[in-house]
C-alpha atoms as a PDB file:
ATOM      1  CA  SER A   1       0.357  -0.169   0.080  1.00  0.00           C
ATOM      2  CA  SER A   2       1.352   3.596  -0.877  1.00  0.00           C
ATOM      3  CA  PHE A   3       0.003   7.200  -0.846  1.00  0.00           C
ATOM      4  CA  ALA A   4       1.400  10.669  -1.702  1.00  0.00           C
ATOM      5  CA  VAL A   5       0.049  13.965  -0.166  1.00  0.00           C
ATOM      6  CA  ASN A   6      -0.033  17.166  -1.911  1.00  0.00           C
ATOM      7  CA  CYS A   7       0.030  19.193   1.182  1.00  0.00           C
ATOM      8  CA  GLY A   8      -2.571  22.180   0.647  1.00  0.00           C
ATOM      9  CA  GLY A   9      -3.057  21.775  -2.932  1.00  0.00           C
ATOM     10  CA  LEU A  10      -5.268  19.574  -5.337  1.00  0.00           C
ATOM     11  CA  ASP A  11      -4.239  16.326  -7.089  1.00  0.00           C
ATOM     12  CA  ILE A  12      -1.360  16.474  -9.283  1.00  0.00           C
ATOM     13  CA  LYS A  13       0.567  13.518 -11.317  1.00  0.00           C
ATOM     14  CA  SER A  14       4.297  13.822 -10.698  1.00  0.00           C
ATOM     15  CA  GLY A  15       5.929  14.228 -14.074  1.00  0.00           C
ATOM     16  CA  THR A  16       8.990  12.616 -12.831  1.00  0.00           C
ATOM     17  CA  LEU A  17       7.607   9.388 -11.434  1.00  0.00           C
ATOM     18  CA  GLY A  18       4.059   9.429 -12.501  1.00  0.00           C
ATOM     19  CA  THR A  19       2.883   9.238  -8.840  1.00  0.00           C
ATOM     20  CA  LEU A  20      -0.602  10.672  -8.123  1.00  0.00           C
ATOM     21  CA  PHE A  21      -0.012  13.255  -5.079  1.00  0.00           C
ATOM     22  CA  GLU A  22      -3.691  13.183  -3.581  1.00  0.00           C
ATOM     23  CA  ARG A  23      -5.228  16.599  -2.663  1.00  0.00           C
ATOM     24  CA  ASP A  24      -4.912  18.002   0.648  1.00  0.00           C
ATOM     25  CA  ASN A  25      -7.224  21.305   0.473  1.00  0.00           C
ATOM     26  CA  ALA A  26      -9.851  20.445   3.077  1.00  0.00           C
ATOM     27  CA  SER A  27     -10.530  23.321   4.951  1.00  0.00           C
ATOM     28  CA  LEU A  28      -8.962  23.020   8.533  1.00  0.00           C
ATOM     29  CA  ASN A  29      -9.196  25.369  11.651  1.00  0.00           C
ATOM     30  CA  ALA A  30      -8.030  25.654  15.311  1.00  0.00           C
ATOM     31  CA  SER A  31      -9.082  21.801  15.947  1.00  0.00           C
ATOM     32  CA  SER A  32     -10.242  19.580  13.114  1.00  0.00           C
ATOM     33  CA  TYR A  33      -9.045  16.734  10.691  1.00  0.00           C
ATOM     34  CA  PHE A  34      -9.574  15.495   7.366  1.00  0.00           C
ATOM     35  CA  THR A  35      -9.598  11.787   6.286  1.00  0.00           C
ATOM     36  CA  THR A  36      -9.237  11.169   2.501  1.00  0.00           C
ATOM     37  CA  GLU A  37     -11.873   9.311   0.337  1.00  0.00           C
ATOM     38  CA  THR A  38      -9.489   6.582  -0.492  1.00  0.00           C
ATOM     39  CA  LYS A  39      -9.172   6.446   3.443  1.00  0.00           C
ATOM     40  CA  LYS A  40      -5.309   5.732   2.863  1.00  0.00           C
ATOM     41  CA  TRP A  41      -4.415   8.713   4.949  1.00  0.00           C
ATOM     42  CA  ALA A  42      -5.254  11.430   7.260  1.00  0.00           C
ATOM     43  CA  VAL A  43      -4.364  14.642   8.709  1.00  0.00           C
ATOM     44  CA  SER A  44      -5.246  16.397  11.804  1.00  0.00           C
ATOM     45  CA  SER A  45      -4.402  20.187  13.006  1.00  0.00           C
ATOM     46  CA  ASN A  46      -4.657  21.805  16.362  1.00  0.00           C
ATOM     47  CA  GLY A  47      -3.713  25.292  17.646  1.00  0.00           C
ATOM     48  CA  VAL A  48      -4.615  28.783  17.778  1.00  0.00           C
ATOM     49  CA  PHE A  49      -2.812  31.428  15.667  1.00  0.00           C
ATOM     50  CA  ILE A  50      -2.260  34.180  18.189  1.00  0.00           C
ATOM     51  CA  ASP A  51      -2.715  37.997  17.104  1.00  0.00           C
ATOM     52  CA  ILE A  52      -3.845  36.942  13.503  1.00  0.00           C
ATOM     53  CA  ASP A  53      -7.551  38.119  12.607  1.00  0.00           C
ATOM     54  CA  ASN A  54      -7.778  35.792   9.475  1.00  0.00           C
ATOM     55  CA  PRO A  55      -5.481  33.029   9.716  1.00  0.00           C
ATOM     56  CA  GLN A  56      -4.567  31.324   6.852  1.00  0.00           C
ATOM     57  CA  TYR A  57      -4.297  27.348   7.085  1.00  0.00           C
ATOM     58  CA  ILE A  58      -2.920  26.802   3.379  1.00  0.00           C
ATOM     59  CA  LEU A  59      -0.156  28.984   2.134  1.00  0.00           C
ATOM     60  CA  ASN A  60       0.344  29.553  -1.449  1.00  0.00           C
ATOM     61  CA  SER A  61       3.330  30.729  -3.453  1.00  0.00           C
ATOM     62  CA  GLN A  62       4.159  31.346  -7.182  1.00  0.00           C
ATOM     63  CA  SER A  63       7.817  30.587  -6.867  1.00  0.00           C
ATOM     64  CA  GLN A  64       9.513  28.018  -8.676  1.00  0.00           C
ATOM     65  CA  PHE A  65      12.031  25.594  -6.908  1.00  0.00           C
ATOM     66  CA  THR A  66      15.155  24.144  -7.763  1.00  0.00           C
ATOM     67  CA  ASN A  67      16.326  20.182  -7.566  1.00  0.00           C
ATOM     68  CA  THR A  68      12.870  19.286  -8.954  1.00  0.00           C
ATOM     69  CA  LEU A  69      10.719  18.947 -12.148  1.00  0.00           C
ATOM     70  CA  ASP A  70       7.538  18.941  -9.990  1.00  0.00           C
ATOM     71  CA  SER A  71       7.850  22.851  -8.948  1.00  0.00           C
ATOM     72  CA  GLU A  72       3.906  22.850  -8.748  1.00  0.00           C
ATOM     73  CA  LEU A  73       3.945  20.394  -5.535  1.00  0.00           C
ATOM     74  CA  PHE A  74       5.765  22.769  -3.507  1.00  0.00           C
ATOM     75  CA  GLN A  75       3.558  25.884  -4.114  1.00  0.00           C
ATOM     76  CA  THR A  76       1.190  25.070  -1.507  1.00  0.00           C
ATOM     77  CA  ALA A  77       1.710  24.083   2.006  1.00  0.00           C
ATOM     78  CA  ARG A  78      -0.487  23.427   5.144  1.00  0.00           C
ATOM     79  CA  ALA A  79      -0.152  25.918   8.048  1.00  0.00           C
ATOM     80  CA  SER A  80      -0.607  25.037  11.755  1.00  0.00           C
ATOM     81  CA  PRO A  81       0.342  27.195  14.679  1.00  0.00           C
ATOM     82  CA  GLY A  82       0.456  24.276  17.042  1.00  0.00           C
ATOM     83  CA  SER A  83       0.487  20.631  15.784  1.00  0.00           C
ATOM     84  CA  LEU A  84       0.061  19.002  12.461  1.00  0.00           C
ATOM     85  CA  ARG A  85       0.096  15.340  12.025  1.00  0.00           C
ATOM     86  CA  TYR A  86      -0.438  13.033   9.120  1.00  0.00           C
ATOM     87  CA  TYR A  87      -1.524   9.640   9.176  1.00  0.00           C
ATOM     88  CA  GLY A  88      -1.041   6.532   6.982  1.00  0.00           C
ATOM     89  CA  LEU A  89      -4.231   4.672   7.442  1.00  0.00           C
ATOM     90  CA  GLY A  90      -4.496   0.582   7.092  1.00  0.00           C
ATOM     91  CA  LEU A  91      -1.059  -0.134   6.976  1.00  0.00           C
ATOM     92  CA  GLU A  92       0.122  -3.756   7.450  1.00  0.00           C
ATOM     93  CA  ASN A  93       3.262  -4.967   9.424  1.00  0.00           C
ATOM     94  CA  GLY A  94       6.040  -4.464   7.248  1.00  0.00           C
ATOM     95  CA  ASN A  95       8.897  -2.445   5.893  1.00  0.00           C
ATOM     96  CA  TYR A  96       8.211   0.802   4.026  1.00  0.00           C
ATOM     97  CA  THR A  97       9.856   3.620   2.262  1.00  0.00           C
ATOM     98  CA  VAL A  98       9.018   7.077   3.491  1.00  0.00           C
ATOM     99  CA  GLN A  99      10.346   9.953   1.453  1.00  0.00           C
ATOM    100  CA  LEU A 100       9.466  13.291   2.909  1.00  0.00           C
ATOM    101  CA  GLU A 101      10.096  16.539   0.600  1.00  0.00           C
ATOM    102  CA  PHE A 102      10.202  20.015   1.927  1.00  0.00           C
ATOM    103  CA  ALA A 103      10.331  23.654   0.431  1.00  0.00           C
ATOM    104  CA  GLU A 104      10.873  26.790   1.892  1.00  0.00           C
ATOM    105  CA  THR A 105       7.949  28.679   0.334  1.00  0.00           C
ATOM    106  CA  THR A 106       8.005  32.009   2.705  1.00  0.00           C
ATOM    107  CA  ILE A 107      10.622  33.525   4.785  1.00  0.00           C
ATOM    108  CA  GLN A 108       9.180  34.221   8.239  1.00  0.00           C
ATOM    109  CA  GLY A 109      11.629  35.425  10.896  1.00  0.00           C
ATOM    110  CA  SER A 110      15.225  34.730  10.633  1.00  0.00           C
ATOM    111  CA  VAL A 111      16.440  32.649   7.836  1.00  0.00           C
ATOM    112  CA  GLY A 112      18.126  29.485   8.571  1.00  0.00           C
ATOM    113  CA  ARG A 113      17.391  25.717   9.818  1.00  0.00           C
ATOM    114  CA  ARG A 114      14.205  24.688  10.896  1.00  0.00           C
ATOM    115  CA  LEU A 115      13.613  22.119  13.845  1.00  0.00           C
ATOM    116  CA  PHE A 116      11.058  19.490  13.639  1.00  0.00           C
ATOM    117  CA  ASP A 117      10.412  16.232  14.870  1.00  0.00           C
ATOM    118  CA  ILE A 118       9.619  13.187  12.658  1.00  0.00           C
ATOM    119  CA  HIS A 119       7.815  10.082  14.398  1.00  0.00           C
ATOM    120  CA  ILE A 120       7.213   7.010  13.055  1.00  0.00           C
ATOM    121  CA  GLN A 121       5.512   4.168  15.133  1.00  0.00           C
ATOM    122  CA  ALA A 122       5.843   6.388  18.032  1.00  0.00           C
ATOM    123  CA  SER A 123       9.301   6.680  17.574  1.00  0.00           C
ATOM    124  CA  CYS A 124      11.681   9.652  16.126  1.00  0.00           C
ATOM    125  CA  PRO A 125      14.502   8.402  14.199  1.00  0.00           C
ATOM    126  CA  THR A 126      17.996  10.301  14.539  1.00  0.00           C
ATOM    127  CA  HIS A 127      18.992   9.841  11.022  1.00  0.00           C
ATOM    128  CA  PHE A 128      16.499  10.178   8.491  1.00  0.00           C
ATOM    129  CA  ILE A 129      17.536   9.381   4.844  1.00  0.00           C
ATOM    130  CA  GLY A 130      14.072  10.170   3.060  1.00  0.00           C
ATOM    131  CA  ILE A 131      14.153  13.901   3.259  1.00  0.00           C
ATOM    132  CA  VAL A 132      14.701  16.133   0.852  1.00  0.00           C
ATOM    133  CA  VAL A 133      14.826  19.855   0.772  1.00  0.00           C
ATOM    134  CA  LEU A 134      14.189  22.155  -1.938  1.00  0.00           C
ATOM    135  CA  SER A 135      14.969  26.050  -2.190  1.00  0.00           C
ATOM    136  CA  ILE A 136      13.138  28.773  -4.078  1.00  0.00           C
ATOM    137  CA  ILE A 137      14.786  30.472  -7.027  1.00  0.00           C
END
């Protein structure tokens, strides 16, 4: 079983891999979740943006990104002031390949490294090979 997610965007078929990235553009707010029609994955978000009258939970960018032929995959992003979690549903026991791709779509605050945790089956691996980071051109 496999799935791919286009965070904050519509269904997109990758030109390089032929993979269908499922849409993740459902309206989420301070405490909500969304389960896909295929029931392969779900996303949850919680937290409140402070001092923002009309918070945006999906960010859009028209920037082009280096190191990819699928720049449109990185032109939307989901935002959460607290916790943003994606869940694989109905996965059987076994080995899986996990590939995460990130892009800095907006610069907020200082330029530099971003810190976050990746948890798989309640563990947080210290070395994660499947991360690809893209930059804006």
